PDB file of all heavy atoms in Angstrom:
ATOM      1  N   LEU A   1     -21.721   2.872   0.409  1.00  0.00           N
ATOM      2  CA  LEU A   1     -20.608   1.948   0.578  1.00  0.00           C
ATOM      3  C   LEU A   1     -20.074   1.450  -0.724  1.00  0.00           C
ATOM      4  O   LEU A   1     -18.844   1.315  -0.991  1.00  0.00           O
ATOM      5  CB  LEU A   1     -21.034   0.790   1.480  1.00  0.00           C
ATOM      6  CG  LEU A   1     -19.958  -0.300   1.784  1.00  0.00           C
ATOM      7  CD1 LEU A   1     -18.821   0.353   2.509  1.00  0.00           C
ATOM      8  CD2 LEU A   1     -20.597  -1.439   2.583  1.00  0.00           C
ATOM      9  N   ALA A   2     -20.994   1.107  -1.687  1.00  0.00           N
ATOM     10  CA  ALA A   2     -20.570   0.645  -2.974  1.00  0.00           C
ATOM     11  C   ALA A   2     -19.782   1.741  -3.716  1.00  0.00           C
ATOM     12  O   ALA A   2     -18.789   1.460  -4.362  1.00  0.00           O
ATOM     13  CB  ALA A   2     -21.804   0.228  -3.751  1.00  0.00           C
ATOM     14  N   LEU A   3     -20.283   2.970  -3.662  1.00  0.00           N
ATOM     15  CA  LEU A   3     -19.565   4.083  -4.297  1.00  0.00           C
ATOM     16  C   LEU A   3     -18.166   4.289  -3.693  1.00  0.00           C
ATOM     17  O   LEU A   3     -17.192   4.561  -4.380  1.00  0.00           O
ATOM     18  CB  LEU A   3     -20.376   5.389  -4.198  1.00  0.00           C
ATOM     19  CG  LEU A   3     -21.678   5.404  -4.997  1.00  0.00           C
ATOM     20  CD1 LEU A   3     -22.469   6.718  -4.702  1.00  0.00           C
ATOM     21  CD2 LEU A   3     -21.391   5.341  -6.523  1.00  0.00           C
ATOM     22  N   ALA A   4     -18.066   4.148  -2.377  1.00  0.00           N
ATOM     23  CA  ALA A   4     -16.778   4.244  -1.686  1.00  0.00           C
ATOM     24  C   ALA A   4     -15.844   3.198  -2.141  1.00  0.00           C
ATOM     25  O   ALA A   4     -14.629   3.448  -2.406  1.00  0.00           O
ATOM     26  CB  ALA A   4     -16.953   4.238  -0.173  1.00  0.00           C
ATOM     27  N   GLU A   5     -16.333   1.931  -2.280  1.00  0.00           N
ATOM     28  CA  GLU A   5     -15.495   0.844  -2.705  1.00  0.00           C
ATOM     29  C   GLU A   5     -15.014   1.101  -4.202  1.00  0.00           C
ATOM     30  O   GLU A   5     -13.855   0.844  -4.540  1.00  0.00           O
ATOM     31  CB  GLU A   5     -16.258  -0.470  -2.666  1.00  0.00           C
ATOM     32  CG  GLU A   5     -16.547  -0.935  -1.251  1.00  0.00           C
ATOM     33  CD  GLU A   5     -15.310  -1.396  -0.533  1.00  0.00           C
ATOM     34  OE1 GLU A   5     -14.278  -1.638  -1.168  1.00  0.00           O
ATOM     35  OE2 GLU A   5     -15.347  -1.477   0.713  1.00  0.00           O
ATOM     36  N   GLU A   6     -15.892   1.618  -4.998  1.00  0.00           N
ATOM     37  CA  GLU A   6     -15.566   1.936  -6.353  1.00  0.00           C
ATOM     38  C   GLU A   6     -14.437   2.980  -6.454  1.00  0.00           C
ATOM     39  O   GLU A   6     -13.483   2.830  -7.207  1.00  0.00           O
ATOM     40  CB  GLU A   6     -16.777   2.365  -7.147  1.00  0.00           C
ATOM     41  CG  GLU A   6     -16.554   2.685  -8.608  1.00  0.00           C
ATOM     42  CD  GLU A   6     -17.751   3.197  -9.299  1.00  0.00           C
ATOM     43  OE1 GLU A   6     -18.852   3.215  -8.668  1.00  0.00           O
ATOM     44  OE2 GLU A   6     -17.655   3.555 -10.473  1.00  0.00           O
ATOM     45  N   GLN A   7     -14.623   4.040  -5.671  1.00  0.00           N
ATOM     46  CA  GLN A   7     -13.600   5.108  -5.687  1.00  0.00           C
ATOM     47  C   GLN A   7     -12.279   4.626  -5.099  1.00  0.00           C
ATOM     48  O   GLN A   7     -11.191   4.903  -5.646  1.00  0.00           O
ATOM     49  CB  GLN A   7     -14.101   6.257  -4.865  1.00  0.00           C
ATOM     50  CG  GLN A   7     -15.324   6.974  -5.481  1.00  0.00           C
ATOM     51  CD  GLN A   7     -15.899   8.044  -4.576  1.00  0.00           C
ATOM     52  OE1 GLN A   7     -15.363   8.304  -3.495  1.00  0.00           O
ATOM     53  NE2 GLN A   7     -16.934   8.698  -5.053  1.00  0.00           N
ATOM     54  N   ALA A   8     -12.363   3.779  -4.047  1.00  0.00           N
ATOM     55  CA  ALA A   8     -11.106   3.239  -3.452  1.00  0.00           C
ATOM     56  C   ALA A   8     -10.407   2.340  -4.456  1.00  0.00           C
ATOM     57  O   ALA A   8      -9.170   2.357  -4.536  1.00  0.00           O
ATOM     58  CB  ALA A   8     -11.447   2.458  -2.188  1.00  0.00           C
ATOM     59  N   ALA A   9     -11.154   1.481  -5.154  1.00  0.00           N
ATOM     60  CA  ALA A   9     -10.557   0.598  -6.141  1.00  0.00           C
ATOM     61  C   ALA A   9      -9.835   1.392  -7.220  1.00  0.00           C
ATOM     62  O   ALA A   9      -8.729   1.045  -7.714  1.00  0.00           O
ATOM     63  CB  ALA A   9     -11.608  -0.316  -6.762  1.00  0.00           C
ATOM     64  N   GLY A  10     -10.479   2.531  -7.678  1.00  0.00           N
ATOM     65  CA  GLY A  10      -9.863   3.362  -8.713  1.00  0.00           C
ATOM     66  C   GLY A  10      -8.509   3.997  -8.198  1.00  0.00           C
ATOM     67  O   GLY A  10      -7.534   4.007  -8.941  1.00  0.00           O
ATOM     68  N   LYS A  11      -8.489   4.447  -6.980  1.00  0.00           N
ATOM     69  CA  LYS A  11      -7.301   5.004  -6.391  1.00  0.00           C
ATOM     70  C   LYS A  11      -6.247   3.961  -6.221  1.00  0.00           C
ATOM     71  O   LYS A  11      -4.992   4.267  -6.456  1.00  0.00           O
ATOM     72  CB  LYS A  11      -7.635   5.700  -5.064  1.00  0.00           C
ATOM     73  CG  LYS A  11      -8.552   6.903  -5.159  1.00  0.00           C
ATOM     74  CD  LYS A  11      -7.929   8.004  -5.993  1.00  0.00           C
ATOM     75  CE  LYS A  11      -8.816   9.217  -6.080  1.00  0.00           C
ATOM     76  NZ  LYS A  11      -8.246  10.326  -6.925  1.00  0.00           N
ATOM     77  N   LEU A  12      -6.594   2.764  -5.827  1.00  0.00           N
ATOM     78  CA  LEU A  12      -5.615   1.722  -5.666  1.00  0.00           C
ATOM     79  C   LEU A  12      -5.001   1.344  -6.991  1.00  0.00           C
ATOM     80  O   LEU A  12      -3.780   1.014  -7.099  1.00  0.00           O
ATOM     81  CB  LEU A  12      -6.287   0.467  -4.997  1.00  0.00           C
ATOM     82  CG  LEU A  12      -6.574   0.589  -3.508  1.00  0.00           C
ATOM     83  CD1 LEU A  12      -7.384  -0.643  -3.061  1.00  0.00           C
ATOM     84  CD2 LEU A  12      -5.334   0.762  -2.705  1.00  0.00           C
ATOM     85  N   LEU A  13      -5.869   1.296  -8.039  1.00  0.00           N
ATOM     86  CA  LEU A  13      -5.321   1.007  -9.382  1.00  0.00           C
ATOM     87  C   LEU A  13      -4.301   2.060  -9.820  1.00  0.00           C
ATOM     88  O   LEU A  13      -3.254   1.708 -10.328  1.00  0.00           O
ATOM     89  CB  LEU A  13      -6.472   0.934 -10.344  1.00  0.00           C
ATOM     90  CG  LEU A  13      -6.109   0.636 -11.812  1.00  0.00           C
ATOM     91  CD1 LEU A  13      -5.408  -0.706 -11.948  1.00  0.00           C
ATOM     92  CD2 LEU A  13      -7.353   0.663 -12.679  1.00  0.00           C
ATOM     93  N   GLU A  14      -4.621   3.334  -9.566  1.00  0.00           N
ATOM     94  CA  GLU A  14      -3.704   4.421  -9.930  1.00  0.00           C
ATOM     95  C   GLU A  14      -2.392   4.304  -9.106  1.00  0.00           C
ATOM     96  O   GLU A  14      -1.285   4.441  -9.683  1.00  0.00           O
ATOM     97  CB  GLU A  14      -4.350   5.785  -9.699  1.00  0.00           C
ATOM     98  CG  GLU A  14      -5.564   6.022 -10.590  1.00  0.00           C
ATOM     99  CD  GLU A  14      -6.213   7.410 -10.235  1.00  0.00           C
ATOM    100  OE1 GLU A  14      -5.629   8.110  -9.381  1.00  0.00           O
ATOM    101  OE2 GLU A  14      -7.216   7.702 -10.857  1.00  0.00           O
ATOM    102  N   ALA A  15      -2.563   3.988  -7.847  1.00  0.00           N
ATOM    103  CA  ALA A  15      -1.355   3.851  -7.005  1.00  0.00           C
ATOM    104  C   ALA A  15      -0.482   2.668  -7.437  1.00  0.00           C
ATOM    105  O   ALA A  15       0.738   2.749  -7.469  1.00  0.00           O
ATOM    106  CB  ALA A  15      -1.768   3.651  -5.542  1.00  0.00           C
ATOM    107  N   GLY A  16      -1.152   1.547  -7.794  1.00  0.00           N
ATOM    108  CA  GLY A  16      -0.405   0.370  -8.299  1.00  0.00           C
ATOM    109  C   GLY A  16       0.382   0.675  -9.538  1.00  0.00           C
ATOM    110  O   GLY A  16       1.518   0.234  -9.732  1.00  0.00           O
ATOM    111  N   LYS A  17      -0.191   1.450 -10.474  1.00  0.00           N
ATOM    112  CA  LYS A  17       0.486   1.809 -11.723  1.00  0.00           C
ATOM    113  C   LYS A  17       1.706   2.659 -11.406  1.00  0.00           C
ATOM    114  O   LYS A  17       2.739   2.494 -12.050  1.00  0.00           O
ATOM    115  CB  LYS A  17      -0.459   2.524 -12.617  1.00  0.00           C
ATOM    116  CG  LYS A  17      -1.593   1.638 -13.216  1.00  0.00           C
ATOM    117  CD  LYS A  17      -2.526   2.436 -14.132  1.00  0.00           C
ATOM    118  CE  LYS A  17      -3.600   1.564 -14.725  1.00  0.00           C
ATOM    119  NZ  LYS A  17      -4.494   2.349 -15.601  1.00  0.00           N
ATOM    120  N   LEU A  18       1.565   3.592 -10.462  1.00  0.00           N
ATOM    121  CA  LEU A  18       2.707   4.417 -10.102  1.00  0.00           C
ATOM    122  C   LEU A  18       3.804   3.619  -9.473  1.00  0.00           C
ATOM    123  O   LEU A  18       5.015   3.829  -9.722  1.00  0.00           O
ATOM    124  CB  LEU A  18       2.257   5.576  -9.159  1.00  0.00           C
ATOM    125  CG  LEU A  18       1.357   6.622  -9.768  1.00  0.00           C
ATOM    126  CD1 LEU A  18       0.895   7.620  -8.691  1.00  0.00           C
ATOM    127  CD2 LEU A  18       2.112   7.390 -10.874  1.00  0.00           C
ATOM    128  N   ILE A  19       3.445   2.679  -8.581  1.00  0.00           N
ATOM    129  CA  ILE A  19       4.491   1.851  -7.885  1.00  0.00           C
ATOM    130  C   ILE A  19       5.214   0.994  -8.880  1.00  0.00           C
ATOM    131  O   ILE A  19       6.405   0.763  -8.807  1.00  0.00           O
ATOM    132  CB  ILE A  19       3.833   1.064  -6.743  1.00  0.00           C
ATOM    133  CG1 ILE A  19       3.353   1.943  -5.635  1.00  0.00           C
ATOM    134  CG2 ILE A  19       4.775   0.011  -6.185  1.00  0.00           C
ATOM    135  CD1 ILE A  19       2.603   1.288  -4.495  1.00  0.00           C
ATOM    136  N   ASP A  20       4.454   0.398  -9.852  1.00  0.00           N
ATOM    137  CA  ASP A  20       5.078  -0.482 -10.841  1.00  0.00           C
ATOM    138  C   ASP A  20       6.141   0.232 -11.686  1.00  0.00           C
ATOM    139  O   ASP A  20       7.037  -0.367 -12.235  1.00  0.00           O
ATOM    140  CB  ASP A  20       3.985  -1.034 -11.780  1.00  0.00           C
ATOM    141  CG  ASP A  20       3.158  -2.084 -11.075  1.00  0.00           C
ATOM    142  OD1 ASP A  20       3.626  -2.624 -10.035  1.00  0.00           O
ATOM    143  OD2 ASP A  20       2.061  -2.384 -11.571  1.00  0.00           O
ATOM    144  N   GLN A  21       6.044   1.505 -11.764  1.00  0.00           N
ATOM    145  CA  GLN A  21       6.983   2.297 -12.596  1.00  0.00           C
ATOM    146  C   GLN A  21       8.340   2.525 -11.885  1.00  0.00           C
ATOM    147  O   GLN A  21       9.315   2.978 -12.522  1.00  0.00           O
ATOM    148  CB  GLN A  21       6.422   3.639 -12.996  1.00  0.00           C
ATOM    149  CG  GLN A  21       5.176   3.551 -13.894  1.00  0.00           C
ATOM    150  CD  GLN A  21       4.561   4.893 -14.118  1.00  0.00           C
ATOM    151  OE1 GLN A  21       5.071   5.895 -13.682  1.00  0.00           O
ATOM    152  NE2 GLN A  21       3.435   4.912 -14.852  1.00  0.00           N
ATOM    153  N   SER A  22       8.458   2.179 -10.580  1.00  0.00           N
ATOM    154  CA  SER A  22       9.674   2.459  -9.855  1.00  0.00           C
ATOM    155  C   SER A  22       9.955   1.281  -8.866  1.00  0.00           C
ATOM    156  O   SER A  22       9.174   1.069  -7.960  1.00  0.00           O
ATOM    157  CB  SER A  22       9.581   3.780  -9.061  1.00  0.00           C
ATOM    158  OG  SER A  22      10.716   3.936  -8.236  1.00  0.00           O
ATOM    159  N   PRO A  23      11.069   0.522  -9.084  1.00  0.00           N
ATOM    160  CA  PRO A  23      11.398  -0.563  -8.120  1.00  0.00           C
ATOM    161  C   PRO A  23      11.642  -0.051  -6.705  1.00  0.00           C
ATOM    162  O   PRO A  23      11.279  -0.750  -5.727  1.00  0.00           O
ATOM    163  CB  PRO A  23      12.709  -1.117  -8.731  1.00  0.00           C
ATOM    164  CG  PRO A  23      12.676  -0.762 -10.179  1.00  0.00           C
ATOM    165  CD  PRO A  23      11.999   0.590 -10.186  1.00  0.00           C
ATOM    166  N   SER A  24      12.219   1.103  -6.566  1.00  0.00           N
ATOM    167  CA  SER A  24      12.424   1.664  -5.224  1.00  0.00           C
ATOM    168  C   SER A  24      11.119   1.946  -4.505  1.00  0.00           C
ATOM    169  O   SER A  24      11.015   1.865  -3.277  1.00  0.00           O
ATOM    170  CB  SER A  24      13.256   2.908  -5.326  1.00  0.00           C
ATOM    171  OG  SER A  24      12.615   3.916  -6.073  1.00  0.00           O
ATOM    172  N   ALA A  25      10.089   2.306  -5.248  1.00  0.00           N
ATOM    173  CA  ALA A  25       8.807   2.560  -4.647  1.00  0.00           C
ATOM    174  C   ALA A  25       8.273   1.250  -4.017  1.00  0.00           C
ATOM    175  O   ALA A  25       7.564   1.325  -2.980  1.00  0.00           O
ATOM    176  CB  ALA A  25       7.851   3.175  -5.680  1.00  0.00           C
ATOM    177  N   ILE A  26       8.512   0.172  -4.742  1.00  0.00           N
ATOM    178  CA  ILE A  26       7.977  -1.131  -4.174  1.00  0.00           C
ATOM    179  C   ILE A  26       8.714  -1.412  -2.812  1.00  0.00           C
ATOM    180  O   ILE A  26       8.046  -1.865  -1.883  1.00  0.00           O
ATOM    181  CB  ILE A  26       8.279  -2.245  -5.180  1.00  0.00           C
ATOM    182  CG1 ILE A  26       7.494  -1.988  -6.497  1.00  0.00           C
ATOM    183  CG2 ILE A  26       7.868  -3.610  -4.590  1.00  0.00           C
ATOM    184  CD1 ILE A  26       7.727  -3.039  -7.564  1.00  0.00           C
ATOM    185  N   LYS A  27       9.987  -1.163  -2.759  1.00  0.00           N
ATOM    186  CA  LYS A  27      10.733  -1.382  -1.529  1.00  0.00           C
ATOM    187  C   LYS A  27      10.235  -0.489  -0.409  1.00  0.00           C
ATOM    188  O   LYS A  27      10.059  -0.887   0.706  1.00  0.00           O
ATOM    189  CB  LYS A  27      12.250  -1.196  -1.755  1.00  0.00           C
ATOM    190  CG  LYS A  27      12.852  -2.185  -2.734  1.00  0.00           C
ATOM    191  CD  LYS A  27      14.355  -1.926  -2.886  1.00  0.00           C
ATOM    192  CE  LYS A  27      14.975  -2.922  -3.813  1.00  0.00           C
ATOM    193  NZ  LYS A  27      16.438  -2.663  -3.987  1.00  0.00           N
ATOM    194  N   LEU A  28      10.042   0.820  -0.776  1.00  0.00           N
ATOM    195  CA  LEU A  28       9.536   1.774   0.268  1.00  0.00           C
ATOM    196  C   LEU A  28       8.165   1.340   0.791  1.00  0.00           C
ATOM    197  O   LEU A  28       7.900   1.461   1.976  1.00  0.00           O
ATOM    198  CB  LEU A  28       9.451   3.147  -0.342  1.00  0.00           C
ATOM    199  CG  LEU A  28      10.827   3.816  -0.642  1.00  0.00           C
ATOM    200  CD1 LEU A  28      10.606   5.157  -1.337  1.00  0.00           C
ATOM    201  CD2 LEU A  28      11.573   4.025   0.679  1.00  0.00           C
ATOM    202  N   ARG A  29       7.307   0.835  -0.117  1.00  0.00           N
ATOM    203  CA  ARG A  29       5.999   0.383   0.303  1.00  0.00           C
ATOM    204  C   ARG A  29       6.122  -0.837   1.228  1.00  0.00           C
ATOM    205  O   ARG A  29       5.411  -0.946   2.224  1.00  0.00           O
ATOM    206  CB  ARG A  29       5.166   0.067  -0.911  1.00  0.00           C
ATOM    207  CG  ARG A  29       3.735  -0.364  -0.594  1.00  0.00           C
ATOM    208  CD  ARG A  29       3.016   0.734   0.133  1.00  0.00           C
ATOM    209  NE  ARG A  29       1.659   0.317   0.505  1.00  0.00           N
ATOM    210  CZ  ARG A  29       0.896   1.003   1.295  1.00  0.00           C
ATOM    211  NH1 ARG A  29       1.357   2.087   1.952  1.00  0.00           N
ATOM    212  NH2 ARG A  29      -0.332   0.577   1.569  1.00  0.00           N
ATOM    213  N   LEU A  30       7.082  -1.691   0.900  1.00  0.00           N
ATOM    214  CA  LEU A  30       7.338  -2.916   1.730  1.00  0.00           C
ATOM    215  C   LEU A  30       7.791  -2.479   3.131  1.00  0.00           C
ATOM    216  O   LEU A  30       7.277  -2.973   4.162  1.00  0.00           O
ATOM    217  CB  LEU A  30       8.310  -3.812   1.103  1.00  0.00           C
ATOM    218  CG  LEU A  30       8.771  -5.029   1.879  1.00  0.00           C
ATOM    219  CD1 LEU A  30       7.575  -5.976   2.182  1.00  0.00           C
ATOM    220  CD2 LEU A  30       9.909  -5.786   1.148  1.00  0.00           C
ATOM    221  N   TYR A  31       8.748  -1.537   3.179  1.00  0.00           N
ATOM    222  CA  TYR A  31       9.217  -1.073   4.470  1.00  0.00           C
ATOM    223  C   TYR A  31       8.152  -0.404   5.295  1.00  0.00           C
ATOM    224  O   TYR A  31       8.076  -0.561   6.543  1.00  0.00           O
ATOM    225  CB  TYR A  31      10.384  -0.094   4.270  1.00  0.00           C
ATOM    226  CG  TYR A  31      11.598  -0.745   3.596  1.00  0.00           C
ATOM    227  CD1 TYR A  31      12.478   0.046   2.834  1.00  0.00           C
ATOM    228  CD2 TYR A  31      11.887  -2.073   3.772  1.00  0.00           C
ATOM    229  CE1 TYR A  31      13.620  -0.518   2.252  1.00  0.00           C
ATOM    230  CE2 TYR A  31      13.004  -2.659   3.174  1.00  0.00           C
ATOM    231  CZ  TYR A  31      13.838  -1.901   2.420  1.00  0.00           C
ATOM    232  OH  TYR A  31      14.937  -2.459   1.802  1.00  0.00           O
ATOM    233  N   GLN A  32       7.310   0.332   4.632  1.00  0.00           N
ATOM    234  CA  GLN A  32       6.217   1.033   5.342  1.00  0.00           C
ATOM    235  C   GLN A  32       5.194   0.002   5.943  1.00  0.00           C
ATOM    236  O   GLN A  32       4.722   0.130   7.082  1.00  0.00           O
ATOM    237  CB  GLN A  32       5.429   1.988   4.415  1.00  0.00           C
ATOM    238  CG  GLN A  32       4.337   2.738   5.110  1.00  0.00           C
ATOM    239  CD  GLN A  32       3.594   3.676   4.117  1.00  0.00           C
ATOM    240  OE1 GLN A  32       3.882   3.622   2.938  1.00  0.00           O
ATOM    241  NE2 GLN A  32       2.701   4.490   4.653  1.00  0.00           N
ATOM    242  N   THR A  33       4.943  -1.027   5.160  1.00  0.00           N
ATOM    243  CA  THR A  33       4.071  -2.081   5.663  1.00  0.00           C
ATOM    244  C   THR A  33       4.695  -2.820   6.852  1.00  0.00           C
ATOM    245  O   THR A  33       4.010  -3.082   7.898  1.00  0.00           O
ATOM    246  CB  THR A  33       3.764  -3.119   4.564  1.00  0.00           C
ATOM    247  OG1 THR A  33       3.196  -2.409   3.452  1.00  0.00           O
ATOM    248  CG2 THR A  33       2.800  -4.193   5.042  1.00  0.00           C
ATOM    249  N   LEU A  34       5.988  -3.110   6.823  1.00  0.00           N
ATOM    250  CA  LEU A  34       6.690  -3.729   7.943  1.00  0.00           C
ATOM    251  C   LEU A  34       6.658  -2.841   9.152  1.00  0.00           C
ATOM    252  O   LEU A  34       6.533  -3.315  10.279  1.00  0.00           O
ATOM    253  CB  LEU A  34       8.082  -4.119   7.535  1.00  0.00           C
ATOM    254  CG  LEU A  34       8.240  -5.211   6.428  1.00  0.00           C
ATOM    255  CD1 LEU A  34       9.703  -5.360   6.033  1.00  0.00           C
ATOM    256  CD2 LEU A  34       7.641  -6.493   6.890  1.00  0.00           C
ATOM    257  N   SER A  35       6.835  -1.567   8.919  1.00  0.00           N
ATOM    258  CA  SER A  35       6.802  -0.612  10.039  1.00  0.00           C
ATOM    259  C   SER A  35       5.462  -0.583  10.747  1.00  0.00           C
ATOM    260  O   SER A  35       5.387  -0.528  11.994  1.00  0.00           O
ATOM    261  CB  SER A  35       7.208   0.770   9.517  1.00  0.00           C
ATOM    262  OG  SER A  35       7.095   1.742  10.557  1.00  0.00           O
ATOM    263  N   ASN A  36       4.388  -0.662   9.957  1.00  0.00           N
ATOM    264  CA  ASN A  36       3.073  -0.687  10.538  1.00  0.00           C
ATOM    265  C   ASN A  36       2.862  -1.960  11.371  1.00  0.00           C
ATOM    266  O   ASN A  36       2.204  -1.933  12.424  1.00  0.00           O
ATOM    267  CB  ASN A  36       2.013  -0.560   9.451  1.00  0.00           C
ATOM    268  CG  ASN A  36       1.989   0.775   8.754  1.00  0.00           C
ATOM    269  OD1 ASN A  36       2.433   1.789   9.349  1.00  0.00           O
ATOM    270  ND2 ASN A  36       1.511   0.859   7.511  1.00  0.00           N
ATOM    271  N   ILE A  37       3.341  -3.059  10.841  1.00  0.00           N
ATOM    272  CA  ILE A  37       3.201  -4.358  11.561  1.00  0.00           C
ATOM    273  C   ILE A  37       4.000  -4.339  12.863  1.00  0.00           C
ATOM    274  O   ILE A  37       3.555  -4.785  13.913  1.00  0.00           O
ATOM    275  CB  ILE A  37       3.615  -5.514  10.681  1.00  0.00           C
ATOM    276  CG1 ILE A  37       2.695  -5.600   9.457  1.00  0.00           C
ATOM    277  CG2 ILE A  37       3.571  -6.818  11.459  1.00  0.00           C
ATOM    278  CD1 ILE A  37       3.083  -6.690   8.445  1.00  0.00           C
ATOM    279  N   ALA A  38       5.230  -3.779  12.811  1.00  0.00           N
ATOM    280  CA  ALA A  38       6.107  -3.782  13.943  1.00  0.00           C
ATOM    281  C   ALA A  38       5.667  -2.833  15.032  1.00  0.00           C
ATOM    282  O   ALA A  38       6.115  -2.922  16.161  1.00  0.00           O
ATOM    283  CB  ALA A  38       7.512  -3.389  13.494  1.00  0.00           C
ATOM    284  N   ALA A  39       4.744  -1.894  14.719  1.00  0.00           N
ATOM    285  CA  ALA A  39       4.285  -0.932  15.715  1.00  0.00           C
ATOM    286  C   ALA A  39       3.594  -1.598  16.856  1.00  0.00           C
ATOM    287  O   ALA A  39       3.571  -1.109  17.986  1.00  0.00           O
ATOM    288  CB  ALA A  39       3.408   0.109  15.039  1.00  0.00           C
ATOM    289  N   GLU A  40       2.959  -2.794  16.620  1.00  0.00           N
ATOM    290  CA  GLU A  40       2.226  -3.479  17.664  1.00  0.00           C
ATOM    291  C   GLU A  40       3.182  -4.147  18.639  1.00  0.00           C
ATOM    292  O   GLU A  40       2.801  -4.439  19.788  1.00  0.00           O
ATOM    293  CB  GLU A  40       1.292  -4.532  17.036  1.00  0.00           C
ATOM    294  CG  GLU A  40       0.220  -3.939  16.126  1.00  0.00           C
ATOM    295  CD  GLU A  40      -0.740  -3.060  16.888  1.00  0.00           C
ATOM    296  OE1 GLU A  40      -0.944  -3.305  18.137  1.00  0.00           O
ATOM    297  OE2 GLU A  40      -1.330  -2.123  16.284  1.00  0.00           O
ATOM    298  N   LYS A  41       4.425  -4.482  18.217  1.00  0.00           N
ATOM    299  CA  LYS A  41       5.430  -5.116  19.060  1.00  0.00           C
ATOM    300  C   LYS A  41       4.974  -6.443  19.660  1.00  0.00           C
ATOM    301  O   LYS A  41       5.348  -6.799  20.744  1.00  0.00           O
ATOM    302  CB  LYS A  41       5.839  -4.154  20.212  1.00  0.00           C
ATOM    303  CG  LYS A  41       6.471  -2.914  19.721  1.00  0.00           C
ATOM    304  CD  LYS A  41       6.891  -1.997  20.868  1.00  0.00           C
ATOM    305  CE  LYS A  41       7.517  -0.721  20.361  1.00  0.00           C
ATOM    306  NZ  LYS A  41       7.910   0.214  21.473  1.00  0.00           N
ATOM    307  N   ASN A  42       4.124  -7.162  18.931  1.00  0.00           N
ATOM    308  CA  ASN A  42       3.642  -8.435  19.409  1.00  0.00           C
ATOM    309  C   ASN A  42       3.764  -9.513  18.374  1.00  0.00           C
ATOM    310  O   ASN A  42       3.108 -10.528  18.415  1.00  0.00           O
ATOM    311  CB  ASN A  42       2.175  -8.318  19.906  1.00  0.00           C
ATOM    312  CG  ASN A  42       1.287  -7.835  18.757  1.00  0.00           C
ATOM    313  OD1 ASN A  42       1.731  -7.592  17.663  1.00  0.00           O
ATOM    314  ND2 ASN A  42       0.001  -7.811  19.044  1.00  0.00           N
ATOM    315  N   SER A  43       4.655  -9.314  17.412  1.00  0.00           N
ATOM    316  CA  SER A  43       4.794 -10.287  16.365  1.00  0.00           C
ATOM    317  C   SER A  43       6.262 -10.279  15.903  1.00  0.00           C
ATOM    318  O   SER A  43       7.014  -9.304  16.047  1.00  0.00           O
ATOM    319  CB  SER A  43       3.900  -9.976  15.176  1.00  0.00           C
ATOM    320  OG  SER A  43       4.169  -8.683  14.641  1.00  0.00           O
ATOM    321  N   THR A  44       6.672 -11.416  15.328  1.00  0.00           N
ATOM    322  CA  THR A  44       8.026 -11.585  14.785  1.00  0.00           C
ATOM    323  C   THR A  44       7.933 -11.680  13.284  1.00  0.00           C
ATOM    324  O   THR A  44       7.116 -12.435  12.736  1.00  0.00           O
ATOM    325  CB  THR A  44       8.686 -12.841  15.341  1.00  0.00           C
ATOM    326  OG1 THR A  44       8.705 -12.715  16.790  1.00  0.00           O
ATOM    327  CG2 THR A  44      10.082 -12.972  14.841  1.00  0.00           C
TER     328      THR A  44
END
């Protein structure tokens, strides 16, 4: 579990660096998160 957390943290760090390089990527990530939340259809 600790090794998995370490690997996941490394991947998240790489992903964060890539997103920071493009403002549109931040918006796309925001829209994707909203889409996942809206899939449940039980929240506003």
